[in-house]
Amino acid sequence: MNILFIGDLVGSSGRRILKAKLPALKERYQIDLCIANAENAAAGLGLTQDLAHEINNAGVDILTLGNHSWSKRDLLHTADHIPFLIRPMNVPKAWPGLSYAVVHHKKGKVLVVNLLGRVFMDQADDPFAAADKVLTTIKQEQNIRMTVVDFHAEASSEKNAMGYYLDGRVSLVAGTHTHVQTADEKILEKGTAYITDVGMTGPLNSIIGMEVASSLRRFVERLPSPYACAKGPAGLSAVAVRIDEATGKAEQIERISVQEHE
């Protein structure tokens, strides 16, 4: 089973490069399942129902979210009606939408889980306990061998901890949220593929996707400035992971970084 996990989609440029590059990436890596974090796909903050379907139609099978899940109010009323969208599971029960997805593929079932970190983030329930719960219920009850976890978290140490905590129990732990791709992709000792952050799919000449001038105003001058998604050329960040469908263990992980002009 070959899985492509695409890092945080940011704004129209992220969607643009996704549509341009995804077909070739799928062919090159013989992708069976494509997952992308889409919590910032709508103008750099949040997601809408229409954009969720646009991304799905572009070839992404499952969309994950994060701490900006409800930045666009549209999704509060529509998330329950989008079967390929999942939101973090370690959150209050009042959150709408699916807390996990089970993909039925001819090569086997894949459980996809989205978790929020707690370090330097808005308060969330224990992500480690939430992972334990879904692995001892859904995974075991449905006899699922392959599991992908999107751990949307700020601190690299917390992401490292989740990787080792789930080593041997899931196929991939993909870190998201910081928008900066890390160079630590690896297969852990018990067979779990891991990367601290998959990176961002969005504007290259930006500060984690936002306009440079407005971001510098906040950092340097310490004055208020509206968040605005940057324009210009885009880059796509992802990982391609090969999984043994019989065991659920990862056999290979490759970090991907491509730009529009390539």
Protein backbone atom coordinates (compact mmCIF):
# COMPACT_ATOMS: atom_id res chain seq x y z
CA MET A 1 0.00 0.00 0.00
CA ASN A 2 1.46 3.35 -1.08
CA ILE A 3 0.22 6.40 0.81
CA LEU A 4 0.88 10.04 -0.01
CA PHE A 5 0.47 12.48 2.88
CA ILE A 6 0.47 16.15 1.85
CA GLY A 7 1.43 18.87 4.30
CA ASP A 8 -0.81 21.78 5.31
CA LEU A 9 -2.60 23.28 2.30
CA VAL A 10 -2.49 27.08 2.50
CA GLY A 11 -4.75 29.28 0.42
CA SER A 12 -5.35 29.37 -3.31
CA SER A 13 -1.68 28.85 -4.18
CA GLY A 14 -1.65 25.63 -2.16
CA ARG A 15 -4.73 24.40 -3.99
CA ARG A 16 -3.23 25.49 -7.31
CA ILE A 17 0.01 23.55 -6.96
CA LEU A 18 -1.88 20.57 -5.56
CA LYS A 19 -3.94 20.33 -8.76
CA ALA A 20 -0.85 20.83 -10.92
CA LYS A 21 1.48 18.34 -9.23
CA LEU A 22 -0.73 15.65 -7.70
CA PRO A 23 -1.40 13.56 -10.85
CA ALA A 24 2.32 13.15 -11.57
CA LEU A 25 3.13 12.38 -7.92
CA LYS A 26 0.42 9.74 -7.81
CA GLU A 27 1.80 8.11 -10.94
CA ARG A 28 5.43 8.29 -9.84
CA TYR A 29 4.82 6.73 -6.43
CA GLN A 30 1.92 4.48 -7.52
CA ILE A 31 -0.26 6.00 -4.81
CA ASP A 32 -3.21 4.01 -3.46
CA LEU A 33 -4.41 6.57 -0.90
CA CYS A 34 -3.85 10.34 -0.69
CA ILE A 35 -4.33 12.32 2.53
CA ALA A 36 -3.87 16.07 3.07
CA ASN A 37 -4.19 18.46 5.97
CA ALA A 38 -6.60 21.17 4.77
CA GLU A 39 -7.30 23.32 7.84
CA ASN A 40 -5.86 26.43 6.17
CA ALA A 41 -6.95 25.85 2.58
CA ALA A 42 -9.45 28.74 2.61
CA ALA A 43 -7.44 31.96 2.23
CA GLY A 44 -4.85 30.67 4.69
CA LEU A 45 -7.24 30.15 7.60
CA GLY A 46 -9.92 27.48 7.85
CA LEU A 47 -11.85 25.46 5.27
CA THR A 48 -15.26 25.59 3.56
CA GLN A 49 -17.48 22.83 2.24
CA ASP A 50 -17.00 23.92 -1.37
CA LEU A 51 -13.21 23.94 -1.03
CA ALA A 52 -13.26 20.54 0.68
CA HIS A 53 -15.03 19.11 -2.36
CA GLU A 54 -12.65 20.95 -4.69
CA ILE A 55 -9.65 19.35 -2.99
CA ASN A 56 -11.32 15.95 -2.98
CA ASN A 57 -12.09 16.27 -6.70
CA ALA A 58 -8.43 17.11 -7.29
CA GLY A 59 -7.50 13.65 -6.05
CA VAL A 60 -7.20 13.83 -2.25
CA ASP A 61 -9.10 10.96 -0.64
CA ILE A 62 -9.10 12.09 3.01
CA LEU A 63 -8.79 15.61 4.43
CA THR A 64 -7.67 16.29 8.00
CA LEU A 65 -8.04 19.45 10.09
CA GLY A 66 -6.52 21.02 13.22
CA ASN A 67 -6.78 23.94 15.62
CA HIS A 68 -8.19 26.23 12.89
CA SER A 69 -10.98 23.81 12.01
CA TRP A 70 -13.78 26.33 12.56
CA SER A 71 -12.12 29.53 11.36
CA LYS A 72 -14.69 29.54 8.57
CA ARG A 73 -18.16 29.28 10.12
CA ASP A 74 -19.46 27.48 7.02
CA LEU A 75 -17.77 24.28 8.14
CA LEU A 76 -19.52 24.30 11.52
CA HIS A 77 -22.77 23.64 9.68
CA THR A 78 -21.47 21.39 6.89
CA ALA A 79 -18.74 19.18 8.41
CA ASP A 80 -21.24 16.46 9.31
CA HIS A 81 -22.08 16.09 5.61
CA ILE A 82 -18.53 15.65 4.28
CA PRO A 83 -17.67 11.92 4.53
CA PHE A 84 -14.02 12.31 3.49
CA LEU A 85 -13.24 14.99 6.11
CA ILE A 86 -12.07 14.27 9.66
CA ARG A 87 -11.39 16.66 12.53
CA PRO A 88 -9.22 16.05 15.61
CA MET A 89 -10.70 13.42 17.90
CA ASN A 90 -9.32 14.63 21.27
CA VAL A 91 -11.70 17.60 21.45
CA PRO A 92 -15.09 18.36 23.05
CA LYS A 93 -18.01 16.20 21.93
CA ALA A 94 -19.76 19.32 20.66
CA TRP A 95 -17.36 19.52 17.69
CA PRO A 96 -19.19 18.46 14.51
CA GLY A 97 -17.76 16.10 11.90
CA LEU A 98 -16.11 12.70 11.89
CA SER A 99 -13.40 11.91 14.42
CA TYR A 100 -11.76 9.22 12.28
CA ALA A 101 -12.12 7.55 8.89
CA VAL A 102 -11.82 3.96 7.73
CA VAL A 103 -10.87 3.67 4.06
CA HIS A 104 -11.86 0.40 2.39
CA HIS A 105 -9.26 -0.32 -0.29
CA LYS A 106 -8.68 -3.50 -2.27
CA LYS A 107 -5.29 -3.78 -0.57
CA GLY A 108 -6.85 -3.54 2.89
CA LYS A 109 -8.56 -1.19 5.30
CA VAL A 110 -6.78 1.97 6.47
CA LEU A 111 -7.70 3.83 9.65
CA VAL A 112 -6.99 7.58 9.49
CA VAL A 113 -6.84 9.51 12.77
CA ASN A 114 -6.38 13.23 13.45
CA LEU A 115 -5.05 14.39 16.85
CA LEU A 116 -4.27 17.79 18.38
CA GLY A 117 -1.19 18.44 20.48
CA ARG A 118 -1.37 20.24 23.84
CA VAL A 119 2.01 21.98 24.15
CA PHE A 120 1.78 25.69 23.13
CA MET A 121 -1.67 25.00 21.69
CA ASP A 122 -5.27 25.65 22.67
CA GLN A 123 -6.43 23.23 25.35
CA ALA A 124 -7.35 19.78 24.09
CA ASP A 125 -7.91 16.39 25.68
CA ASP A 126 -5.01 13.97 26.11
CA PRO A 127 -3.92 12.93 22.58
CA PHE A 128 -2.08 9.85 23.86
CA ALA A 129 -5.18 8.55 25.63
CA ALA A 130 -7.29 9.32 22.55
CA ALA A 131 -4.87 7.33 20.38
CA ASP A 132 -5.03 4.40 22.79
CA LYS A 133 -8.82 4.45 22.72
CA VAL A 134 -9.19 4.37 18.94
CA LEU A 135 -6.51 1.71 18.56
CA THR A 136 -8.12 -0.59 21.13
CA THR A 137 -11.63 -0.11 19.78
CA ILE A 138 -11.94 0.72 16.08
CA LYS A 139 -8.63 -0.81 14.97
CA GLN A 140 -9.11 -4.06 16.85
CA GLU A 141 -12.86 -4.40 16.33
CA GLN A 142 -12.56 -3.94 12.57
CA ASN A 143 -9.29 -5.90 12.27
CA ILE A 144 -7.46 -2.97 10.65
CA ARG A 145 -3.75 -3.40 10.08
CA MET A 146 -2.83 -0.04 8.54
CA THR A 147 -3.24 3.22 10.47
CA VAL A 148 -2.20 6.79 9.63
CA VAL A 149 -2.06 9.47 12.34
CA ASP A 150 -1.98 13.19 11.57
CA PHE A 151 -0.60 14.72 14.76
CA HIS A 152 -1.31 18.44 14.51
CA ALA A 153 1.01 19.88 17.13
CA GLU A 154 3.40 22.77 17.78
CA ALA A 155 6.24 21.22 19.80
CA SER A 156 8.66 18.88 18.05
CA SER A 157 9.26 17.13 21.39
CA GLU A 158 5.57 16.28 21.71
CA LYS A 159 5.54 14.97 18.14
CA ASN A 160 8.65 12.88 18.84
CA ALA A 161 6.93 11.47 21.90
CA MET A 162 3.84 10.52 19.92
CA GLY A 163 5.96 8.80 17.29
CA TYR A 164 7.67 6.57 19.84
CA TYR A 165 4.46 6.07 21.82
CA LEU A 166 2.73 4.67 18.74
CA ASP A 167 5.75 2.87 17.27
CA GLY A 168 4.70 -0.59 16.14
CA ARG A 169 1.01 0.19 16.60
CA VAL A 170 0.42 2.47 13.60
CA SER A 171 1.88 2.68 10.11
CA LEU A 172 2.61 6.42 9.95
CA VAL A 173 2.77 9.34 12.37
CA ALA A 174 2.83 12.52 10.27
CA GLY A 175 3.36 15.79 12.11
CA THR A 176 1.54 18.87 10.83
CA HIS A 177 0.85 22.48 11.92
CA THR A 178 4.23 24.26 11.89
CA HIS A 179 4.34 24.57 8.07
CA VAL A 180 8.11 23.92 7.97
CA GLN A 181 9.18 20.56 6.60
CA THR A 182 11.63 18.70 8.82
CA ALA A 183 14.44 16.47 7.56
CA ASP A 184 13.95 13.63 10.05
CA GLU A 185 11.80 11.17 8.11
CA LYS A 186 12.55 7.62 9.27
CA ILE A 187 11.20 4.20 10.09
CA LEU A 188 11.18 3.74 13.87
CA GLU A 189 12.45 0.54 15.48
CA LYS A 190 9.09 -1.25 15.58
CA GLY A 191 8.01 -0.36 12.06
CA THR A 192 6.24 3.02 12.20
CA ALA A 193 7.10 5.67 9.60
CA TYR A 194 7.60 9.08 11.20
CA ILE A 195 8.29 12.73 10.33
CA THR A 196 8.09 15.64 12.78
CA ASP A 197 6.43 17.94 10.23
CA VAL A 198 5.40 17.17 6.67
CA GLY A 199 5.62 20.86 5.80
CA MET A 200 3.42 23.30 3.91
CA THR A 201 1.80 23.28 0.49
CA GLY A 202 1.39 26.94 -0.30
CA PRO A 203 3.21 30.21 -1.07
CA LEU A 204 7.00 29.97 -1.04
CA ASN A 205 7.81 33.65 -0.45
CA SER A 206 5.97 33.92 2.84
CA ILE A 207 6.21 33.50 6.58
CA ILE A 208 4.55 30.12 7.04
CA GLY A 209 2.10 31.05 4.31
CA MET A 210 1.33 34.62 5.34
CA GLU A 211 2.45 37.89 3.71
CA VAL A 212 5.96 38.87 4.74
CA ALA A 213 5.22 42.58 5.30
CA SER A 214 2.24 42.03 7.61
CA SER A 215 4.09 39.33 9.55
CA LEU A 216 7.16 41.55 10.03
CA ARG A 217 4.95 44.35 11.28
CA ARG A 218 3.72 42.08 14.07
CA PHE A 219 7.14 40.68 14.92
CA VAL A 220 9.38 43.73 14.48
CA GLU A 221 7.15 46.71 15.16
CA ARG A 222 4.87 44.87 17.58
CA LEU A 223 1.85 46.49 15.95
CA PRO A 224 -1.40 44.88 14.82
CA SER A 225 -1.60 43.77 11.22
CA PRO A 226 -4.18 41.57 9.50
CA TYR A 227 -3.23 38.04 8.55
CA ALA A 228 -3.21 37.77 4.77
CA CYS A 229 -2.23 34.78 2.69
CA ALA A 230 0.85 35.45 0.54
CA LYS A 231 0.75 35.34 -3.23
CA GLY A 232 3.30 34.22 -5.80
CA PRO A 233 4.91 30.86 -6.60
CA ALA A 234 4.05 27.86 -4.49
CA GLY A 235 5.68 24.72 -3.19
CA LEU A 236 4.28 21.32 -2.26
CA SER A 237 5.52 19.31 0.73
CA ALA A 238 4.60 15.69 1.34
CA VAL A 239 5.81 12.22 2.27
CA ALA A 240 5.29 9.02 0.33
CA VAL A 241 5.11 5.92 2.52
CA ARG A 242 5.12 2.26 1.46
CA ILE A 243 3.34 -0.04 3.90
CA ASP A 244 3.21 -3.82 4.10
CA GLU A 245 -0.55 -4.36 4.03
CA ALA A 246 -0.19 -7.77 5.72
CA THR A 247 1.55 -6.40 8.82
CA GLY A 248 0.75 -2.68 8.76
CA LYS A 249 4.44 -1.88 9.18
CA ALA A 250 6.11 0.80 7.07
CA GLU A 251 8.81 -0.31 4.67
CA GLN A 252 9.87 3.06 3.27
CA ILE A 253 9.25 6.78 3.75
CA GLU A 254 10.40 9.44 1.30
CA ARG A 255 10.22 13.18 1.90
CA ILE A 256 8.92 15.20 -1.07
CA SER A 257 9.40 18.89 -1.82
CA VAL A 258 8.50 20.30 -5.24
CA GLN A 259 7.99 23.80 -6.60
CA GLU A 260 5.71 25.10 -9.32
CA HIS A 261 8.47 25.76 -11.85
CA GLU A 262 9.90 22.24 -11.52
